[in-house]
N, C-alpha and C. Protein backbone atom coordinates (compact mmCIF):
# COMPACT_ATOMS: atom_id res chain seq x y z
N ALA A 1 105.74 104.91 108.98
CA ALA A 1 105.23 103.64 109.46
C ALA A 1 106.27 102.54 109.26
N LEU A 2 106.97 102.59 108.16
CA LEU A 2 107.97 101.58 107.87
C LEU A 2 109.05 101.53 108.94
N ARG A 3 109.49 102.70 109.39
CA ARG A 3 110.54 102.78 110.41
C ARG A 3 110.13 102.08 111.70
N TYR A 4 108.87 102.22 112.11
CA TYR A 4 108.43 101.68 113.39
C TYR A 4 107.83 100.28 113.30
N SER A 5 107.89 99.68 112.11
CA SER A 5 107.33 98.34 111.95
C SER A 5 108.30 97.34 111.34
N THR A 6 109.54 97.74 111.10
CA THR A 6 110.52 96.84 110.49
C THR A 6 111.86 96.94 111.23
N GLY A 7 112.79 96.10 110.85
CA GLY A 7 114.11 96.10 111.47
C GLY A 7 114.01 95.66 112.93
N ASP A 8 114.58 96.45 113.84
CA ASP A 8 114.50 96.13 115.26
C ASP A 8 113.12 96.43 115.85
N ASN A 9 112.26 97.13 115.11
CA ASN A 9 110.92 97.45 115.57
C ASN A 9 109.92 96.45 115.02
N ARG A 10 108.83 96.27 115.76
CA ARG A 10 107.75 95.42 115.26
C ARG A 10 106.42 95.89 115.82
N ILE A 11 105.38 95.68 115.04
CA ILE A 11 104.03 96.02 115.49
C ILE A 11 103.59 95.01 116.53
N VAL A 12 103.13 95.51 117.66
CA VAL A 12 102.63 94.66 118.74
C VAL A 12 101.11 94.57 118.68
N VAL A 13 100.46 95.72 118.50
CA VAL A 13 99.00 95.78 118.44
C VAL A 13 98.60 96.81 117.38
N PRO A 14 97.96 96.36 116.30
CA PRO A 14 97.44 97.35 115.35
C PRO A 14 96.16 97.97 115.93
N LEU A 15 95.99 99.28 115.79
CA LEU A 15 94.74 99.88 116.21
C LEU A 15 93.67 99.49 115.21
N PRO A 16 92.51 99.09 115.70
CA PRO A 16 91.46 98.65 114.77
C PRO A 16 90.89 99.82 113.97
N ASP A 17 90.33 99.52 112.83
CA ASP A 17 89.71 100.55 112.00
C ASP A 17 88.43 101.06 112.66
N ALA A 18 87.74 100.25 113.43
CA ALA A 18 86.53 100.67 114.14
C ALA A 18 86.83 100.73 115.63
N MET A 19 86.57 101.91 116.23
CA MET A 19 86.84 102.08 117.67
C MET A 19 85.66 102.76 118.35
N LYS A 20 85.59 102.55 119.66
CA LYS A 20 84.58 103.23 120.47
C LYS A 20 84.85 104.73 120.39
N THR A 21 83.79 105.50 120.14
CA THR A 21 83.93 106.92 119.85
C THR A 21 82.88 107.72 120.59
N ILE A 22 83.30 108.89 121.09
CA ILE A 22 82.34 109.85 121.64
C ILE A 22 82.75 111.23 121.14
N PHE A 23 81.75 111.99 120.71
CA PHE A 23 82.00 113.34 120.21
C PHE A 23 81.94 114.32 121.36
N ASP A 24 82.79 115.32 121.31
CA ASP A 24 82.96 116.29 122.40
C ASP A 24 82.93 117.70 121.80
N PRO A 25 81.74 118.16 121.34
CA PRO A 25 81.67 119.44 120.63
C PRO A 25 82.04 120.64 121.49
N TYR A 26 81.89 120.53 122.81
CA TYR A 26 82.21 121.66 123.69
C TYR A 26 83.54 121.47 124.41
N GLU A 27 84.28 120.43 124.01
CA GLU A 27 85.61 120.14 124.53
C GLU A 27 85.65 120.07 126.06
N GLN A 28 84.74 119.28 126.60
CA GLN A 28 84.67 119.05 128.05
C GLN A 28 85.08 117.64 128.43
N GLY A 29 85.51 116.84 127.46
CA GLY A 29 85.84 115.43 127.70
C GLY A 29 86.94 115.20 128.71
N GLN A 30 87.93 116.06 128.71
CA GLN A 30 89.02 115.88 129.68
C GLN A 30 88.49 116.13 131.10
N ARG A 31 87.68 117.17 131.25
CA ARG A 31 87.09 117.46 132.56
C ARG A 31 86.15 116.33 132.99
N MET A 32 85.54 115.67 132.02
CA MET A 32 84.61 114.57 132.31
C MET A 32 85.31 113.22 132.35
N ASN A 33 86.64 113.21 132.30
CA ASN A 33 87.45 111.99 132.43
C ASN A 33 87.20 110.95 131.35
N TYR A 34 87.03 111.39 130.10
CA TYR A 34 86.87 110.43 129.01
C TYR A 34 88.11 109.57 128.84
N PHE A 35 89.23 109.97 129.41
CA PHE A 35 90.48 109.22 129.31
C PHE A 35 90.61 108.16 130.39
N HIS A 36 89.78 108.20 131.41
CA HIS A 36 89.92 107.32 132.57
C HIS A 36 89.63 105.87 132.19
N PRO A 37 90.50 104.92 132.59
CA PRO A 37 90.30 103.53 132.19
C PRO A 37 89.03 102.91 132.79
N GLY A 38 88.53 103.44 133.90
CA GLY A 38 87.33 102.89 134.53
C GLY A 38 86.03 103.42 133.96
N LEU A 39 86.11 104.34 133.01
CA LEU A 39 84.92 104.92 132.40
C LEU A 39 84.12 103.84 131.68
N ASN A 40 82.83 103.81 131.90
CA ASN A 40 81.97 102.87 131.19
C ASN A 40 81.73 103.41 129.78
N ASP A 41 82.36 102.80 128.80
CA ASP A 41 82.25 103.26 127.42
C ASP A 41 81.35 102.35 126.58
N GLU A 42 80.52 101.55 127.23
CA GLU A 42 79.64 100.64 126.50
C GLU A 42 78.64 101.38 125.61
N GLY A 43 78.26 102.60 125.99
CA GLY A 43 77.31 103.37 125.20
C GLY A 43 77.94 104.21 124.11
N PHE A 44 79.25 104.17 123.98
CA PHE A 44 79.92 104.94 122.93
C PHE A 44 79.56 104.36 121.57
N LEU A 45 79.60 105.20 120.55
CA LEU A 45 79.40 104.75 119.18
C LEU A 45 80.61 103.95 118.72
N LEU A 46 80.42 103.13 117.74
CA LEU A 46 81.53 102.45 117.08
C LEU A 46 81.66 103.10 115.71
N THR A 47 82.76 103.84 115.49
CA THR A 47 82.95 104.49 114.20
C THR A 47 84.24 103.99 113.56
N ARG A 48 84.28 104.11 112.27
CA ARG A 48 85.47 103.73 111.52
C ARG A 48 86.45 104.88 111.53
N THR A 49 87.71 104.57 111.36
CA THR A 49 88.74 105.60 111.34
C THR A 49 89.29 105.70 109.92
N TYR A 50 90.44 105.08 109.67
CA TYR A 50 91.13 105.24 108.39
C TYR A 50 90.45 104.53 107.22
N GLY A 51 89.56 103.60 107.47
CA GLY A 51 88.95 102.81 106.39
C GLY A 51 87.91 103.54 105.57
N THR A 52 87.41 104.65 106.10
CA THR A 52 86.42 105.43 105.38
C THR A 52 86.41 106.84 105.96
N THR A 53 85.70 107.73 105.33
CA THR A 53 85.64 109.12 105.79
C THR A 53 84.47 109.33 106.75
N TRP A 54 84.53 110.43 107.48
CA TRP A 54 83.37 110.80 108.30
C TRP A 54 82.16 111.05 107.41
N ASP A 55 82.39 111.68 106.27
CA ASP A 55 81.31 111.98 105.35
C ASP A 55 80.56 110.71 104.96
N ALA A 56 81.28 109.65 104.65
CA ALA A 56 80.67 108.38 104.25
C ALA A 56 79.92 107.72 105.40
N GLN A 57 80.22 108.10 106.64
CA GLN A 57 79.54 107.53 107.81
C GLN A 57 78.40 108.42 108.31
N GLY A 58 78.12 109.50 107.57
CA GLY A 58 77.06 110.42 107.96
C GLY A 58 77.48 111.39 109.05
N LEU A 59 78.78 111.60 109.22
CA LEU A 59 79.29 112.46 110.27
C LEU A 59 79.84 113.78 109.73
N ALA A 60 79.54 114.11 108.51
CA ALA A 60 80.13 115.29 107.87
C ALA A 60 79.76 116.60 108.57
N GLY A 61 78.66 116.64 109.31
CA GLY A 61 78.24 117.86 109.98
C GLY A 61 79.10 118.23 111.18
N ILE A 62 79.96 117.35 111.62
CA ILE A 62 80.81 117.63 112.77
C ILE A 62 82.02 118.42 112.28
N ARG A 63 82.02 119.71 112.54
CA ARG A 63 83.04 120.59 111.99
C ARG A 63 83.93 121.22 113.06
N HIS A 64 83.60 121.07 114.33
CA HIS A 64 84.42 121.70 115.37
C HIS A 64 84.37 120.84 116.63
N GLY A 65 85.22 121.17 117.57
CA GLY A 65 85.27 120.42 118.82
C GLY A 65 86.27 119.29 118.74
N ALA A 66 86.00 118.25 119.53
CA ALA A 66 86.92 117.12 119.60
C ALA A 66 86.15 115.80 119.47
N VAL A 67 86.89 114.76 119.21
CA VAL A 67 86.36 113.40 119.20
C VAL A 67 87.31 112.54 120.02
N TRP A 68 86.77 111.62 120.78
CA TRP A 68 87.57 110.71 121.61
C TRP A 68 87.39 109.29 121.10
N TYR A 69 88.51 108.58 121.00
CA TYR A 69 88.51 107.16 120.66
C TYR A 69 89.05 106.40 121.87
N ARG A 70 88.45 105.24 122.14
CA ARG A 70 88.94 104.38 123.22
C ARG A 70 89.14 102.97 122.68
N PHE A 71 90.23 102.36 123.14
CA PHE A 71 90.58 101.02 122.66
C PHE A 71 91.25 100.26 123.80
N SER A 72 90.71 99.09 124.14
CA SER A 72 91.30 98.22 125.17
C SER A 72 92.06 97.10 124.49
N PHE A 73 93.24 96.79 125.03
CA PHE A 73 94.08 95.74 124.44
C PHE A 73 94.96 95.13 125.52
N ASP A 74 95.41 93.93 125.27
CA ASP A 74 96.32 93.22 126.18
C ASP A 74 97.73 93.26 125.62
N LEU A 75 98.69 93.36 126.53
CA LEU A 75 100.10 93.28 126.15
C LEU A 75 100.68 91.98 126.70
N PRO A 76 101.29 91.16 125.86
CA PRO A 76 101.83 89.88 126.32
C PRO A 76 103.00 90.06 127.28
N PRO A 77 103.18 89.13 128.22
CA PRO A 77 104.24 89.23 129.22
C PRO A 77 105.66 89.33 128.63
N ASP A 78 105.88 88.83 127.41
CA ASP A 78 107.23 88.87 126.84
C ASP A 78 107.68 90.30 126.50
N LEU A 79 106.80 91.29 126.67
CA LEU A 79 107.16 92.68 126.41
C LEU A 79 107.68 93.39 127.67
N ALA A 80 107.75 92.68 128.78
CA ALA A 80 108.23 93.29 130.03
C ALA A 80 109.62 93.89 129.83
N GLY A 81 109.78 95.14 130.24
CA GLY A 81 111.07 95.82 130.15
C GLY A 81 111.43 96.35 128.78
N LYS A 82 110.57 96.14 127.80
CA LYS A 82 110.86 96.62 126.44
C LYS A 82 110.14 97.96 126.18
N PRO A 83 110.75 98.84 125.39
CA PRO A 83 110.09 100.10 125.05
C PRO A 83 108.85 99.86 124.20
N LEU A 84 107.85 100.70 124.43
CA LEU A 84 106.63 100.63 123.64
C LEU A 84 106.29 102.03 123.13
N GLY A 85 105.77 102.10 121.93
CA GLY A 85 105.40 103.38 121.35
C GLY A 85 104.09 103.27 120.60
N LEU A 86 103.48 104.42 120.37
CA LEU A 86 102.27 104.51 119.56
C LEU A 86 102.61 105.29 118.30
N PHE A 87 102.32 104.71 117.15
CA PHE A 87 102.47 105.38 115.88
C PHE A 87 101.07 105.77 115.42
N LEU A 88 100.80 107.08 115.33
CA LEU A 88 99.54 107.58 114.75
C LEU A 88 99.84 108.00 113.33
N GLY A 89 99.25 107.32 112.38
CA GLY A 89 99.55 107.55 110.98
C GLY A 89 99.10 108.89 110.43
N GLY A 90 98.07 109.47 111.00
CA GLY A 90 97.58 110.77 110.56
C GLY A 90 96.26 111.09 111.23
N VAL A 91 96.10 112.35 111.60
CA VAL A 91 94.88 112.80 112.26
C VAL A 91 94.46 114.15 111.68
N GLU A 92 93.22 114.53 111.98
CA GLU A 92 92.76 115.86 111.63
C GLU A 92 92.21 116.50 112.89
N ASP A 93 92.90 117.36 113.56
CA ASP A 93 94.10 118.12 113.30
C ASP A 93 95.16 117.93 114.39
N VAL A 94 94.75 117.78 115.66
CA VAL A 94 95.68 117.68 116.79
C VAL A 94 95.31 116.46 117.62
N ALA A 95 96.30 115.66 118.01
CA ALA A 95 96.06 114.46 118.81
C ALA A 95 96.59 114.65 120.22
N GLU A 96 95.86 114.09 121.18
CA GLU A 96 96.31 114.02 122.57
C GLU A 96 96.06 112.59 123.02
N VAL A 97 97.03 111.99 123.75
CA VAL A 97 96.99 110.57 124.04
C VAL A 97 97.11 110.30 125.54
N TRP A 98 96.30 109.35 126.03
CA TRP A 98 96.38 108.84 127.40
C TRP A 98 96.46 107.32 127.32
N LEU A 99 97.23 106.72 128.21
CA LEU A 99 97.25 105.27 128.35
C LEU A 99 97.03 104.95 129.81
N ASN A 100 96.01 104.16 130.08
CA ASN A 100 95.66 103.75 131.45
C ASN A 100 95.45 104.97 132.36
N GLY A 101 94.86 106.01 131.81
CA GLY A 101 94.56 107.21 132.57
C GLY A 101 95.70 108.19 132.72
N GLU A 102 96.87 107.83 132.23
CA GLU A 102 98.05 108.71 132.33
C GLU A 102 98.26 109.45 131.02
N HIS A 103 98.39 110.77 131.13
CA HIS A 103 98.60 111.59 129.94
C HIS A 103 99.97 111.26 129.34
N VAL A 104 99.99 110.93 128.06
CA VAL A 104 101.22 110.54 127.37
C VAL A 104 101.81 111.72 126.60
N GLY A 105 100.96 112.52 125.96
CA GLY A 105 101.46 113.65 125.20
C GLY A 105 100.45 114.16 124.21
N ALA A 106 100.85 115.22 123.51
CA ALA A 106 100.01 115.84 122.50
C ALA A 106 100.86 116.16 121.27
N SER A 107 100.22 116.16 120.12
CA SER A 107 100.92 116.49 118.89
C SER A 107 100.79 117.98 118.63
N SER A 108 101.55 118.45 117.67
CA SER A 108 101.33 119.80 117.16
C SER A 108 100.24 119.69 116.10
N ARG A 109 99.85 120.80 115.56
CA ARG A 109 98.80 120.79 114.54
C ARG A 109 99.41 120.52 113.18
N THR A 110 99.06 119.38 112.62
CA THR A 110 99.46 119.07 111.25
C THR A 110 98.42 118.13 110.67
N PHE A 111 97.91 118.46 109.55
CA PHE A 111 96.91 117.63 108.89
C PHE A 111 97.58 116.41 108.26
N SER A 112 97.14 115.24 108.67
CA SER A 112 97.52 113.98 108.05
C SER A 112 99.00 113.60 108.17
N MET A 113 99.72 114.19 109.11
CA MET A 113 101.13 113.82 109.30
C MET A 113 101.23 112.83 110.46
N PRO A 114 102.16 111.88 110.40
CA PRO A 114 102.30 110.90 111.47
C PRO A 114 103.00 111.46 112.71
N PHE A 115 102.68 110.86 113.87
CA PHE A 115 103.30 111.19 115.15
C PHE A 115 103.59 109.91 115.89
N VAL A 116 104.60 109.95 116.76
CA VAL A 116 104.86 108.83 117.66
C VAL A 116 104.85 109.32 119.10
N PHE A 117 104.42 108.45 119.99
CA PHE A 117 104.33 108.74 121.42
C PHE A 117 104.97 107.59 122.19
N ASP A 118 105.62 107.90 123.28
CA ASP A 118 106.23 106.88 124.15
C ASP A 118 105.18 106.35 125.12
N LEU A 119 104.90 105.05 125.07
CA LEU A 119 103.92 104.41 125.95
C LEU A 119 104.57 103.56 127.03
N THR A 120 105.89 103.54 127.10
CA THR A 120 106.60 102.61 127.96
C THR A 120 106.18 102.70 129.42
N ALA A 121 106.19 103.89 130.01
CA ALA A 121 105.92 104.03 131.45
C ALA A 121 104.50 103.64 131.85
N PRO A 122 103.46 104.09 131.16
CA PRO A 122 102.12 103.74 131.63
C PRO A 122 101.62 102.37 131.18
N ALA A 123 102.35 101.67 130.30
CA ALA A 123 101.90 100.38 129.80
C ALA A 123 101.92 99.32 130.89
N LYS A 124 100.92 98.45 130.88
CA LYS A 124 100.80 97.35 131.83
C LYS A 124 100.96 96.04 131.06
N VAL A 125 102.16 95.49 131.13
CA VAL A 125 102.46 94.25 130.42
C VAL A 125 101.78 93.09 131.14
N GLY A 126 101.15 92.20 130.36
CA GLY A 126 100.44 91.06 130.93
C GLY A 126 99.06 91.42 131.44
N GLU A 127 98.61 92.65 131.18
CA GLU A 127 97.29 93.11 131.63
C GLU A 127 96.57 93.82 130.49
N THR A 128 95.30 94.13 130.75
CA THR A 128 94.53 94.91 129.80
C THR A 128 94.86 96.39 129.98
N ASN A 129 95.08 97.08 128.88
CA ASN A 129 95.39 98.51 128.85
C ASN A 129 94.26 99.24 128.14
N VAL A 130 94.07 100.51 128.52
CA VAL A 130 93.06 101.34 127.86
C VAL A 130 93.74 102.56 127.26
N LEU A 131 93.65 102.66 125.95
CA LEU A 131 94.21 103.78 125.20
C LEU A 131 93.07 104.75 124.88
N ALA A 132 93.26 106.02 125.23
CA ALA A 132 92.29 107.07 124.88
C ALA A 132 93.00 108.09 124.01
N ILE A 133 92.40 108.40 122.89
CA ILE A 133 92.98 109.36 121.96
C ILE A 133 91.94 110.44 121.69
N ARG A 134 92.32 111.67 121.98
CA ARG A 134 91.45 112.83 121.73
C ARG A 134 91.98 113.54 120.49
N ILE A 135 91.11 113.72 119.51
CA ILE A 135 91.48 114.45 118.31
C ILE A 135 90.66 115.74 118.29
N GLU A 136 91.38 116.85 118.27
CA GLU A 136 90.72 118.15 118.21
C GLU A 136 90.73 118.64 116.78
N ARG A 137 89.57 119.03 116.33
CA ARG A 137 89.44 119.55 114.97
C ARG A 137 89.54 121.07 115.05
N ARG A 138 90.56 121.64 114.44
CA ARG A 138 90.79 123.08 114.53
C ARG A 138 90.27 123.86 113.33
N GLY A 139 90.05 123.19 112.22
CA GLY A 139 89.56 123.88 111.03
C GLY A 139 88.13 123.49 110.73
N LYS A 140 87.28 124.46 110.51
CA LYS A 140 85.87 124.18 110.23
C LYS A 140 85.64 123.79 108.77
N ALA A 141 86.52 124.22 107.92
CA ALA A 141 86.37 123.89 106.49
C ALA A 141 87.00 122.52 106.22
N ASN A 142 86.25 121.67 105.59
CA ASN A 142 86.78 120.35 105.23
C ASN A 142 86.03 119.87 104.00
N GLU A 143 86.60 120.13 102.87
CA GLU A 143 85.94 119.79 101.62
C GLU A 143 86.02 118.32 101.26
N ILE A 144 86.86 117.54 101.94
CA ILE A 144 86.97 116.12 101.58
C ILE A 144 86.34 115.19 102.61
N GLY A 145 85.68 115.73 103.64
CA GLY A 145 84.88 114.93 104.56
C GLY A 145 85.65 114.02 105.49
N LEU A 146 86.90 114.37 105.79
CA LEU A 146 87.68 113.55 106.72
C LEU A 146 87.37 113.95 108.16
N GLY A 147 88.07 113.35 109.12
CA GLY A 147 87.92 113.70 110.52
C GLY A 147 88.51 112.61 111.39
N GLY A 148 88.98 112.99 112.60
CA GLY A 148 89.51 112.02 113.55
C GLY A 148 90.82 111.40 113.10
N ILE A 149 90.96 110.09 113.33
CA ILE A 149 92.15 109.33 112.90
C ILE A 149 91.93 108.96 111.44
N ILE A 150 92.85 109.37 110.57
CA ILE A 150 92.61 109.18 109.14
C ILE A 150 93.64 108.28 108.45
N ARG A 151 94.58 107.72 109.21
CA ARG A 151 95.57 106.80 108.64
C ARG A 151 95.76 105.62 109.60
N PRO A 152 96.17 104.46 109.09
CA PRO A 152 96.42 103.32 109.98
C PRO A 152 97.43 103.67 111.07
N SER A 153 97.21 103.10 112.25
CA SER A 153 98.04 103.39 113.43
C SER A 153 98.28 102.09 114.19
N PHE A 154 99.33 102.08 115.03
CA PHE A 154 99.66 100.84 115.75
C PHE A 154 100.56 101.12 116.95
N ILE A 155 100.59 100.13 117.84
CA ILE A 155 101.52 100.13 118.98
C ILE A 155 102.69 99.25 118.58
N PHE A 156 103.90 99.73 118.86
CA PHE A 156 105.09 99.01 118.43
C PHE A 156 106.07 98.85 119.59
N THR A 157 107.01 97.95 119.41
CA THR A 157 108.12 97.80 120.34
C THR A 157 109.41 97.81 119.54
N GLY A 158 110.51 98.07 120.24
CA GLY A 158 111.82 98.13 119.60
C GLY A 158 112.50 99.41 119.99
N GLU A 159 112.46 100.36 119.09
CA GLU A 159 113.09 101.67 119.31
C GLU A 159 112.35 102.45 120.39
N LYS A 160 113.11 103.01 121.33
CA LYS A 160 112.52 103.87 122.36
C LYS A 160 112.27 105.24 121.75
N VAL A 161 111.05 105.73 121.92
CA VAL A 161 110.70 107.06 121.41
C VAL A 161 111.42 108.08 122.28
N ALA A 162 112.19 108.96 121.66
CA ALA A 162 113.04 109.90 122.39
C ALA A 162 112.25 110.97 123.13
N SER A 163 111.15 111.42 122.58
CA SER A 163 110.38 112.50 123.17
C SER A 163 109.26 111.95 124.05
N PRO A 164 109.05 112.53 125.24
CA PRO A 164 107.95 112.04 126.08
C PRO A 164 106.59 112.44 125.53
N THR A 165 106.53 113.39 124.62
CA THR A 165 105.26 113.78 124.01
C THR A 165 105.29 113.42 122.54
N GLY A 166 104.23 113.74 121.85
CA GLY A 166 104.15 113.40 120.43
C GLY A 166 105.32 113.94 119.65
N LYS A 167 106.03 113.07 118.99
CA LYS A 167 107.19 113.46 118.19
C LYS A 167 106.76 113.43 116.73
N PRO A 168 106.66 114.61 116.11
CA PRO A 168 106.19 114.63 114.73
C PRO A 168 107.26 114.18 113.75
N VAL A 169 106.83 113.60 112.68
CA VAL A 169 107.73 113.29 111.60
C VAL A 169 108.04 114.57 110.82
N PHE A 170 107.06 115.46 110.74
CA PHE A 170 107.22 116.75 110.06
C PHE A 170 106.36 117.77 110.79
N GLN A 171 106.90 118.91 111.13
CA GLN A 171 106.12 119.97 111.77
C GLN A 171 106.00 121.13 110.81
N GLY A 172 104.86 121.33 110.29
CA GLY A 172 104.63 122.41 109.37
C GLY A 172 103.36 122.18 108.61
N ARG A 173 103.15 122.96 107.60
CA ARG A 173 101.96 122.77 106.80
C ARG A 173 102.28 123.02 105.34
N VAL A 174 101.52 122.38 104.50
CA VAL A 174 101.69 122.55 103.08
C VAL A 174 100.82 123.72 102.65
N LEU A 175 101.44 124.66 101.98
CA LEU A 175 100.73 125.85 101.50
C LEU A 175 100.31 125.65 100.06
N PRO A 176 99.39 126.48 99.56
CA PRO A 176 99.03 126.37 98.14
C PRO A 176 100.28 126.44 97.26
N GLY A 177 100.31 125.63 96.25
CA GLY A 177 101.47 125.58 95.36
C GLY A 177 102.50 124.56 95.82
N GLY A 178 102.26 123.90 96.97
CA GLY A 178 103.15 122.85 97.44
C GLY A 178 104.31 123.31 98.28
N SER A 179 104.39 124.60 98.62
CA SER A 179 105.49 125.05 99.47
C SER A 179 105.20 124.69 100.93
N PHE A 180 106.23 124.66 101.76
CA PHE A 180 106.08 124.25 103.15
C PHE A 180 106.32 125.45 104.07
N GLU A 181 105.55 125.51 105.16
CA GLU A 181 105.77 126.51 106.19
C GLU A 181 106.04 125.77 107.48
N GLN A 182 107.18 126.00 108.07
CA GLN A 182 107.56 125.36 109.33
C GLN A 182 106.75 125.96 110.46
N GLU A 183 106.19 125.11 111.36
CA GLU A 183 105.47 125.59 112.53
C GLU A 183 106.43 126.17 113.53
N LYS A 184 106.06 127.22 114.20
CA LYS A 184 106.94 127.88 115.17
C LYS A 184 106.73 127.35 116.54
């Protein structure tokens, strides 16, 4: 987070802790266009992300499938021609991102590791933008009651994200005893 929020980079829009949410237990949200900016999301739930756990919100029973978050925001005109990126601080387990209905990319599977995505091309400077984030939960066991977006996240400008899809900070998993296994 420090890299994408200091120096030549700066946070443009912090993602709020509470976002419009819809659960997708049968993983049909993409087919149903949950990412489309024209989707009426007024009936979606408002759930917290990094500020509390799913367990604390009464959502602990959701152990499989996906969850979708939607967030509308404006980008000021002074960002015209500047690179924009999304920093996701941590998710459980896999993230997929759309901006204004355009697929931006997907992360690999890593619990609680940060990812960055390039938002430059689909961003509409001086207009309202719609960010849709799909988090797929791949593990049914979760003894600590987390879920969805579990760390603070933000949209930034400055450094151009090199990868068109989710660029992980670390690809792998922590094994018992603290050893690391690199994802293939």
